[in-house]
Protein backbone atom coordinates (compact mmCIF):
# COMPACT_ATOMS: atom_id res chain seq x y z
CA MET A 1 118.37 104.95 144.58
CA SER A 2 119.35 107.02 147.23
CA ASP A 3 119.04 110.62 148.46
CA THR A 4 122.96 110.97 148.95
CA PRO A 5 124.67 110.83 145.88
CA PRO A 6 127.96 109.11 145.63
CA PHE A 7 129.73 111.99 143.82
CA ASP A 8 129.36 116.03 144.21
CA PRO A 9 126.44 117.00 142.31
CA LEU A 10 126.23 120.11 140.09
CA ALA A 11 122.66 120.76 141.12
CA VAL A 12 119.77 118.49 142.95
CA VAL A 13 116.67 118.97 140.98
CA GLU A 14 112.81 117.98 140.76
CA ALA A 15 111.34 117.42 137.59
CA ARG A 16 108.84 115.87 135.50
CA VAL A 17 110.00 113.22 132.77
CA GLU A 18 109.20 114.18 129.88
CA GLY A 19 109.90 111.12 127.88
CA LEU A 20 112.55 108.19 126.77
CA ALA A 21 115.59 108.71 124.60
CA ASP A 22 116.68 106.46 121.85
CA HIS A 23 119.18 104.66 124.31
CA GLY A 24 116.10 104.26 126.84
CA ASP A 25 117.29 107.17 129.40
CA GLY A 26 114.54 109.06 130.73
CA VAL A 27 114.74 113.10 129.28
CA LEU A 28 114.11 115.92 131.39
CA THR A 29 114.88 119.67 130.91
CA TRP A 30 117.15 121.53 133.31
CA GLU A 31 118.99 124.84 132.45
CA ASP A 32 117.12 124.72 128.48
CA ARG A 33 118.94 121.81 127.63
CA PRO A 34 117.72 117.94 127.89
CA LEU A 35 118.61 116.14 131.16
CA MET A 36 119.38 112.65 130.50
CA VAL A 37 118.71 110.07 133.36
CA ALA A 38 118.78 106.46 133.65
CA GLY A 39 116.06 104.21 135.36
CA VAL A 40 113.08 106.74 135.24
CA LEU A 41 110.09 106.15 133.09
CA PRO A 42 107.50 109.29 131.28
CA GLY A 43 105.37 110.85 133.30
CA GLU A 44 107.19 110.58 136.33
CA ARG A 45 108.01 113.60 138.97
CA VAL A 46 112.01 112.53 140.21
CA ARG A 47 114.63 114.27 142.01
CA VAL A 48 117.79 114.33 140.29
CA ALA A 49 121.60 114.63 140.93
CA VAL A 50 123.05 116.57 137.80
CA ARG A 51 126.58 114.65 137.32
CA LYS A 52 127.71 116.39 134.41
CA ARG A 53 126.97 119.30 131.89
CA TYR A 54 127.80 118.71 128.21
CA ARG A 55 127.49 121.25 125.12
CA HIS A 56 124.21 120.05 124.09
CA ILE A 57 123.12 117.78 127.24
CA SER A 58 123.51 117.37 131.00
CA VAL A 59 123.32 113.88 132.42
CA GLY A 60 121.87 113.41 135.96
CA SER A 61 121.08 110.20 138.11
CA CYS A 62 118.04 109.62 139.89
CA LEU A 63 117.80 110.00 143.61
CA ALA A 64 114.39 109.45 144.34
CA VAL A 65 111.30 108.58 142.38
CA LEU A 66 108.49 111.10 143.65
CA GLU A 67 105.57 110.08 141.96
CA PRO A 68 106.12 106.75 140.39
CA SER A 69 104.28 105.80 136.59
CA PRO A 70 101.79 103.00 137.03
CA GLY A 71 103.84 101.42 134.17
CA ARG A 72 106.88 101.16 136.68
CA VAL A 73 107.88 97.58 137.95
CA GLU A 74 110.48 95.99 140.04
CA PRO A 75 113.41 94.98 138.05
CA PRO A 76 113.76 91.18 138.93
CA CYS A 77 117.53 91.18 137.82
CA PRO A 78 120.14 91.91 141.23
CA TYR A 79 122.58 93.55 138.35
CA TYR A 80 120.08 95.57 137.02
CA GLY A 81 121.68 99.08 136.74
CA ARG A 82 124.80 97.95 137.51
CA CYS A 83 125.35 95.85 134.54
CA GLY A 84 124.26 98.74 132.02
CA GLY A 85 123.29 95.69 129.17
CA CYS A 86 119.59 96.63 130.01
CA GLN A 87 117.73 99.66 130.18
CA LEU A 88 114.16 99.22 130.73
CA GLN A 89 113.50 96.18 133.20
CA HIS A 90 112.01 98.54 135.32
CA ALA A 91 109.24 99.18 132.62
CA ALA A 92 105.89 96.85 131.83
CA PRO A 93 106.01 95.41 129.05
CA ALA A 94 103.32 97.66 127.76
CA VAL A 95 105.53 100.63 128.32
CA GLN A 96 108.64 98.86 126.39
CA LEU A 97 106.67 98.18 123.55
CA ALA A 98 105.21 101.84 123.44
CA ALA A 99 108.75 103.41 123.54
CA LYS A 100 110.16 100.95 120.74
CA LYS A 101 107.37 102.53 118.87
CA ALA A 102 107.80 105.74 119.59
CA ARG A 103 111.78 105.47 118.71
CA VAL A 104 111.21 104.17 115.34
CA GLU A 105 108.83 106.80 114.83
CA ARG A 106 111.20 109.51 116.10
CA ALA A 107 113.68 107.95 113.38
CA LEU A 108 111.50 108.46 110.55
CA ALA A 109 110.43 111.97 111.62
CA ALA A 110 113.75 112.86 111.48
CA ALA A 111 114.52 111.69 108.19
CA ASP A 112 111.26 113.72 106.75
CA LEU A 113 109.18 110.45 106.50
CA ASP A 114 105.74 110.16 107.63
CA PRO A 115 105.70 108.62 111.58
CA ASN A 116 102.23 107.29 111.17
CA LEU A 117 103.25 104.41 108.68
CA VAL A 118 104.63 102.84 112.40
CA ARG A 119 102.46 100.09 113.37
CA PRO A 120 101.98 98.86 116.92
CA THR A 121 105.39 96.81 118.15
CA ILE A 122 104.68 92.94 118.22
CA ALA A 123 106.11 91.25 121.42
CA SER A 124 108.85 88.60 121.74
CA PRO A 125 107.21 85.42 122.83
CA ASP A 126 109.68 85.56 125.86
CA ALA A 127 110.06 88.58 128.03
CA PHE A 128 113.31 86.76 129.53
CA GLY A 129 115.49 84.07 129.01
CA TYR A 130 115.47 84.31 125.23
CA ARG A 131 118.83 85.13 124.18
CA ASN A 132 120.83 82.16 122.35
CA HIS A 133 123.90 83.96 122.23
CA ALA A 134 126.24 85.73 124.54
CA ARG A 135 129.58 87.16 124.58
CA PHE A 136 131.10 87.46 127.98
CA THR A 137 134.17 88.48 129.30
CA VAL A 138 137.00 87.04 131.35
CA VAL A 139 139.13 88.91 133.73
CA ASP A 140 141.05 87.00 136.24
CA GLY A 141 139.12 83.70 135.83
CA ALA A 142 135.70 86.12 136.69
CA VAL A 143 133.21 85.93 133.83
CA GLY A 144 131.13 88.36 133.35
CA PHE A 145 130.52 91.75 131.25
CA MET A 146 132.08 94.91 130.79
CA ARG A 147 130.00 98.33 132.15
CA ARG A 148 130.18 101.08 129.81
CA ARG A 149 130.17 103.96 132.53
CA PRO A 150 132.30 103.50 134.16
CA LYS A 151 133.99 100.89 132.17
CA VAL A 152 134.78 98.35 134.70
CA HIS A 153 134.33 94.55 134.92
CA LEU A 154 131.21 92.94 136.31
CA PRO A 155 131.38 89.31 137.26
CA ILE A 156 128.08 87.90 137.16
CA GLU A 157 126.57 84.43 138.12
CA ALA A 158 123.54 84.45 135.60
CA CYS A 159 122.20 86.83 133.09
CA ARG A 160 118.20 86.90 132.87
CA LEU A 161 118.15 87.55 129.24
CA MET A 162 120.34 84.28 128.49
CA ALA A 163 118.50 80.74 127.81
CA PRO A 164 118.79 78.54 130.69
CA ALA A 165 121.46 76.73 128.85
CA ILE A 166 124.07 79.73 128.43
CA ASN A 167 123.76 80.09 132.52
CA GLU A 168 124.41 76.59 132.86
CA VAL A 169 127.91 77.02 131.06
CA LEU A 170 128.20 80.32 132.81
CA HIS A 171 128.09 78.35 136.30
CA HIS A 172 130.66 75.82 134.60
CA ALA A 173 132.96 78.22 133.45
CA ARG A 174 133.46 79.82 136.98
CA GLY A 175 136.93 79.11 138.15
CA ARG A 176 137.70 76.99 135.12
CA VAL A 177 138.88 79.70 132.01
CA ASP A 178 141.64 81.68 133.44
CA GLY A 179 144.05 82.65 131.29
CA ALA A 180 140.83 83.64 128.77
CA THR A 181 139.79 86.73 128.18
CA GLN A 182 136.33 86.22 126.37
CA LEU A 183 133.59 83.37 126.50
CA ASN A 184 131.29 82.88 123.94
CA VAL A 185 128.55 80.83 124.11
CA ARG A 186 125.65 79.99 121.75
CA VAL A 187 123.01 77.27 122.35
CA GLY A 188 119.84 76.27 120.03
CA ILE A 189 116.50 77.05 121.73
CA ARG A 190 114.95 74.34 119.66
CA THR A 191 117.99 71.51 119.38
CA GLY A 192 119.55 71.86 122.43
CA GLU A 193 122.96 72.50 120.78
CA ARG A 194 125.63 74.42 122.54
CA MET A 195 128.81 75.95 120.64
CA ILE A 196 131.41 77.42 123.20
CA GLN A 197 134.14 79.07 121.86
CA PRO A 198 136.87 79.25 122.44
CA ASP A 199 138.23 75.88 123.08
CA PHE A 200 139.00 75.25 126.59
CA GLY A 201 139.47 71.69 126.41
CA ASP A 202 139.19 69.62 129.24
CA ALA A 203 139.55 72.87 131.81
CA LEU A 204 135.88 73.54 131.49
CA ASP A 205 134.31 70.34 131.94
CA LEU A 206 132.12 70.85 128.73
CA PRO A 207 132.69 70.34 125.55
CA SER A 208 133.80 73.42 123.62
CA GLY A 209 135.33 74.83 120.62
CA GLN A 210 132.68 73.28 118.39
CA PRO A 211 132.56 74.67 115.04
CA HIS A 212 129.00 75.29 114.49
CA LEU A 213 125.06 74.30 116.17
CA HIS A 214 121.76 73.86 114.40
CA GLU A 215 119.11 75.83 115.62
CA VAL A 216 115.55 75.93 114.27
CA VAL A 217 113.42 78.98 113.08
CA PHE A 218 109.73 79.01 111.08
CA GLY A 219 110.09 74.97 111.03
CA HIS A 220 113.38 74.85 108.86
CA ARG A 221 116.56 73.79 110.48
CA PHE A 222 119.58 75.75 110.14
CA ARG A 223 123.38 75.17 110.69
CA ILE A 224 125.11 78.23 112.14
CA SER A 225 129.07 78.53 112.28
CA ALA A 226 131.01 80.35 115.15
CA PRO A 227 131.58 83.62 113.20
CA ALA A 228 127.99 83.37 110.99
CA PHE A 229 125.16 85.90 112.09
CA PHE A 230 121.97 84.66 113.71
CA GLN A 231 119.10 86.48 114.94
CA VAL A 232 119.90 86.22 119.05
CA ASN A 233 116.09 85.67 119.63
CA THR A 234 115.23 82.40 118.13
CA LYS A 235 111.07 82.46 118.51
CA ALA A 236 110.71 85.98 117.88
CA ALA A 237 112.48 85.45 114.69
CA ASP A 238 109.52 83.30 113.30
CA HIS A 239 107.82 86.56 113.73
CA LEU A 240 110.00 88.06 111.26
CA CYS A 241 109.38 85.36 108.85
CA ARG A 242 105.73 85.09 108.90
CA ILE A 243 105.88 88.95 108.48
CA VAL A 244 108.04 88.61 105.32
CA ARG A 245 106.10 85.60 104.03
CA GLY A 246 102.87 88.06 104.07
CA VAL A 247 104.48 90.32 101.88
CA VAL A 248 105.61 87.60 99.21
CA SER A 249 102.34 86.18 99.10
CA ALA A 250 100.81 89.69 98.39
CA GLY A 251 101.35 89.75 94.70
CA PRO A 252 103.40 87.70 92.05
CA SER A 253 106.81 86.14 93.25
CA GLY A 254 108.18 84.88 90.25
CA CYS A 255 111.78 85.36 91.51
CA VAL A 256 112.66 86.82 95.29
CA VAL A 257 115.97 88.14 96.06
CA ASP A 258 117.26 87.97 99.67
CA ALA A 259 120.20 90.64 99.15
CA TYR A 260 121.57 89.79 102.53
CA ALA A 261 121.12 86.39 102.95
CA GLY A 262 123.35 85.22 106.03
CA VAL A 263 122.67 81.46 106.89
CA GLY A 264 119.48 81.59 104.50
CA THR A 265 116.91 82.14 107.30
CA PHE A 266 114.28 84.41 105.02
CA ALA A 267 115.47 82.57 101.74
CA ALA A 268 114.07 79.21 103.41
CA ALA A 269 111.26 80.96 105.00
CA VAL A 270 109.39 81.89 101.37
CA ALA A 271 110.82 78.93 99.03
CA ASP A 272 107.49 77.23 98.84
CA LEU A 273 105.92 80.74 97.94
CA ALA A 274 108.74 81.74 95.23
CA GLU A 275 109.44 80.02 91.76
CA ARG A 276 113.16 81.33 92.09
CA VAL A 277 115.02 82.39 95.00
CA VAL A 278 118.07 83.74 94.80
CA ALA A 279 120.47 84.43 98.32
CA ILE A 280 123.22 86.44 97.77
CA GLU A 281 125.75 87.06 100.57
CA THR A 282 129.31 88.25 101.26
CA SER A 283 130.82 86.30 104.37
CA GLY A 284 132.30 83.00 103.61
CA PRO A 285 131.24 81.21 106.57
CA ALA A 286 127.86 81.98 105.94
CA MET A 287 127.45 81.24 102.53
CA GLU A 288 129.01 77.74 103.61
CA ASP A 289 126.35 77.65 106.30
CA ALA A 290 123.83 78.40 103.63
CA ALA A 291 124.78 76.05 101.16
CA GLN A 292 123.76 73.24 103.60
CA ASN A 293 121.00 74.98 104.80
CA LEU A 294 119.37 75.40 101.60
CA ALA A 295 120.55 72.64 99.47
CA HIS A 296 117.73 70.78 99.82
CA LEU A 297 115.10 73.64 98.40
CA ALA A 298 115.63 73.01 94.71
CA ARG A 299 114.16 76.51 94.01
CA VAL A 300 116.86 78.56 95.70
CA GLU A 301 120.34 79.72 94.12
CA ARG A 302 123.02 81.20 96.09
CA LEU A 303 125.55 83.81 94.51
CA CYS A 304 128.38 84.87 96.83
CA GLY A 305 129.45 88.60 96.97
CA ALA A 306 128.15 91.91 97.98
CA ALA A 307 124.89 93.03 97.29
CA GLU A 308 125.84 96.06 95.45
CA ASP A 309 128.08 94.23 92.96
CA LEU A 310 125.45 91.45 92.32
CA LEU A 311 122.20 93.04 92.27
CA GLY A 312 122.52 94.74 88.74
CA THR A 313 124.03 91.52 87.63
CA LEU A 314 120.40 89.18 87.93
CA ALA A 315 118.37 88.76 84.44
CA HIS A 316 115.44 88.21 86.00
CA PRO A 317 112.85 91.02 87.27
CA ILE A 318 112.77 90.91 90.73
CA ASP A 319 109.20 90.44 92.20
CA VAL A 320 110.46 91.04 95.90
CA LEU A 321 113.60 91.94 97.22
CA PHE A 322 114.58 91.17 101.04
CA LEU A 323 117.07 93.61 102.87
CA ASP A 324 118.62 92.76 106.16
CA PRO A 325 121.64 94.55 106.34
CA PRO A 326 124.23 95.11 108.89
CA ARG A 327 123.32 97.88 111.55
CA ARG A 328 124.69 100.89 109.55
CA GLY A 329 122.64 99.99 106.78
CA CYS A 330 122.88 99.13 102.88
CA HIS A 331 125.94 100.73 101.23
CA ARG A 332 124.99 103.77 99.03
CA ARG A 333 125.96 101.82 95.93
CA ALA A 334 123.59 98.86 97.14
CA LEU A 335 120.69 101.26 97.19
CA HIS A 336 121.70 102.66 93.66
CA ALA A 337 121.47 98.96 92.37
CA ILE A 338 118.14 98.57 93.58
CA GLU A 339 116.71 101.63 92.05
CA ARG A 340 117.93 100.45 88.56
CA ALA A 341 116.57 97.09 89.17
CA ARG A 342 113.39 98.42 90.45
CA PRO A 343 111.75 95.66 92.03
CA ALA A 344 108.25 95.13 92.76
CA ARG A 345 108.35 94.91 96.09
CA ILE A 346 111.16 95.29 98.95
CA VAL A 347 111.40 93.96 102.41
CA TYR A 348 113.86 96.28 104.64
CA VAL A 349 114.52 94.43 108.19
CA SER A 350 116.82 96.56 110.40
CA CYS A 351 118.00 96.38 113.79
CA ASP A 352 118.83 100.35 113.76
CA PRO A 353 115.81 102.56 113.30
CA SER A 354 118.15 105.36 112.38
CA SER A 355 120.15 103.76 109.34
CA LEU A 356 116.34 102.45 108.22
CA ALA A 357 115.22 105.33 108.07
CA ARG A 358 118.09 107.28 106.24
CA ASP A 359 117.88 104.37 103.39
CA LEU A 360 114.10 104.70 103.55
CA ALA A 361 114.38 108.43 102.82
CA ARG A 362 116.36 107.44 99.78
CA LEU A 363 114.19 104.83 98.54
CA ALA A 364 110.98 106.43 99.18
CA PRO A 365 110.68 108.73 96.16
CA SER A 366 110.70 105.49 93.94
CA PHE A 367 109.15 103.04 96.56
CA PRO A 368 106.48 104.01 98.65
CA ILE A 369 106.26 102.94 102.06
CA ASP A 370 102.96 101.01 102.90
CA TRP A 371 103.82 100.38 106.81
CA VAL A 372 107.01 99.86 109.08
CA GLN A 373 106.61 97.13 111.86
CA PRO A 374 108.57 97.03 114.65
CA VAL A 375 109.11 93.93 116.91
CA ASP A 376 110.64 93.16 120.27
CA LEU A 377 113.53 90.93 119.44
CA PHE A 378 115.39 92.34 122.77
CA PRO A 379 112.81 93.05 125.30
CA GLN A 380 114.11 94.92 128.71
CA THR A 381 116.70 96.74 126.21
CA HIS A 382 116.15 99.86 124.06
CA HIS A 383 117.15 97.65 121.08
CA VAL A 384 114.34 97.34 118.34
CA GLU A 385 113.90 95.24 115.00
CA ALA A 386 111.68 96.58 112.32
CA VAL A 387 110.30 95.74 109.33
CA ALA A 388 109.24 97.87 106.29
CA ALA A 389 107.36 97.26 103.54
CA LEU A 390 107.98 99.35 100.42
CA ARG A 391 106.80 98.78 96.17
CA ARG A 392 106.79 100.54 93.11
CA PRO A 393 103.92 103.06 92.48
CA ASP A 394 102.54 100.51 90.45
CA VAL A 395 102.23 97.72 92.56
CA ALA A 396 99.13 97.43 95.05
CA PRO A 397 99.92 98.15 98.82
CA ALA A 398 100.75 95.00 100.73
CA PRO A 399 98.41 94.29 103.77
CA PRO A 400 100.02 94.91 107.27
CA PRO A 401 101.04 91.93 109.33
CA GLY A 402 98.16 90.37 111.75
CA PRO A 403 98.53 89.40 114.88
CA PRO A 404 101.32 86.96 115.92
């Protein structure tokens, strides 16, 4: 931070940080409107140069922290503040967990739901080196990330969020990927396998172009193809599996339906608890993976298609329904199908608090919400995963998750 901004400020102000916005910026007040400033923490008194004034908010840059928060720490990454991929490296772990709980609470409150339903955030087993998947941008042979503000390419030597095996690939790629525009790397945290895309032939000095790799989550081995979705934090994904198993164990589980099954993670995690598991997935590559991943589980049936089309075709009453849709949430037709199917319990897993709250508000009149459990799958960033437990009014509440 410098007392001399590299731009002509609209104003230089001193103020107290009132809180954190959803995207991780600190929120101050200037000219009766929110002033968003990156790299600051609630309670801190800061000096800020105002960069731009918009219709409803202003944006500024921190020049100095005059009164630091006790929750402030020194960011370990040399690119922090320039890369843009992390927003909270300057915040101690407890501050990050509280901020993510508050983000989920705000989302529920904005949807007229009770924010007191939100439980304390479960921490990731690893604060750094947890990511099993990276997408790098290559410009003139240099590998790095695209910054958002301003949108320029930032070459990097290593990323502190990535698993060591990914940074090893990054090291090998320097000067060897001329002509490429992207470098995608996935690694198996527990298997040691790597998947590097695209195929660089002999140029990379490492095998590349693999169509899939394998990873182990909650004791189950999964094949993951290049186009398929998989949680980027392998160890924290164990927490998600433990939470959903707790809901299945809370009552009868004759028929469990995973409506957005992906490669079969949740279906495999609960297969031993249910008499019948139906895994629904619309992605062809993910369903091909699931066919291999779930083939040894006799109780699991696989259906390829959209949840909104298939939920209404199931012959058996649903005891537990899993929802883990894309970031945008469930399709309106899927929510309508859920209301008609009347499952006894619903477990909704989401990486976007806003779309989660929107869909919960739609479901809550028919399915009371027992609790919402944030899980920190993305330390050092503003992102947060959350698991919500819902039920029919005639069904007993599911107990909240215990400690990891």
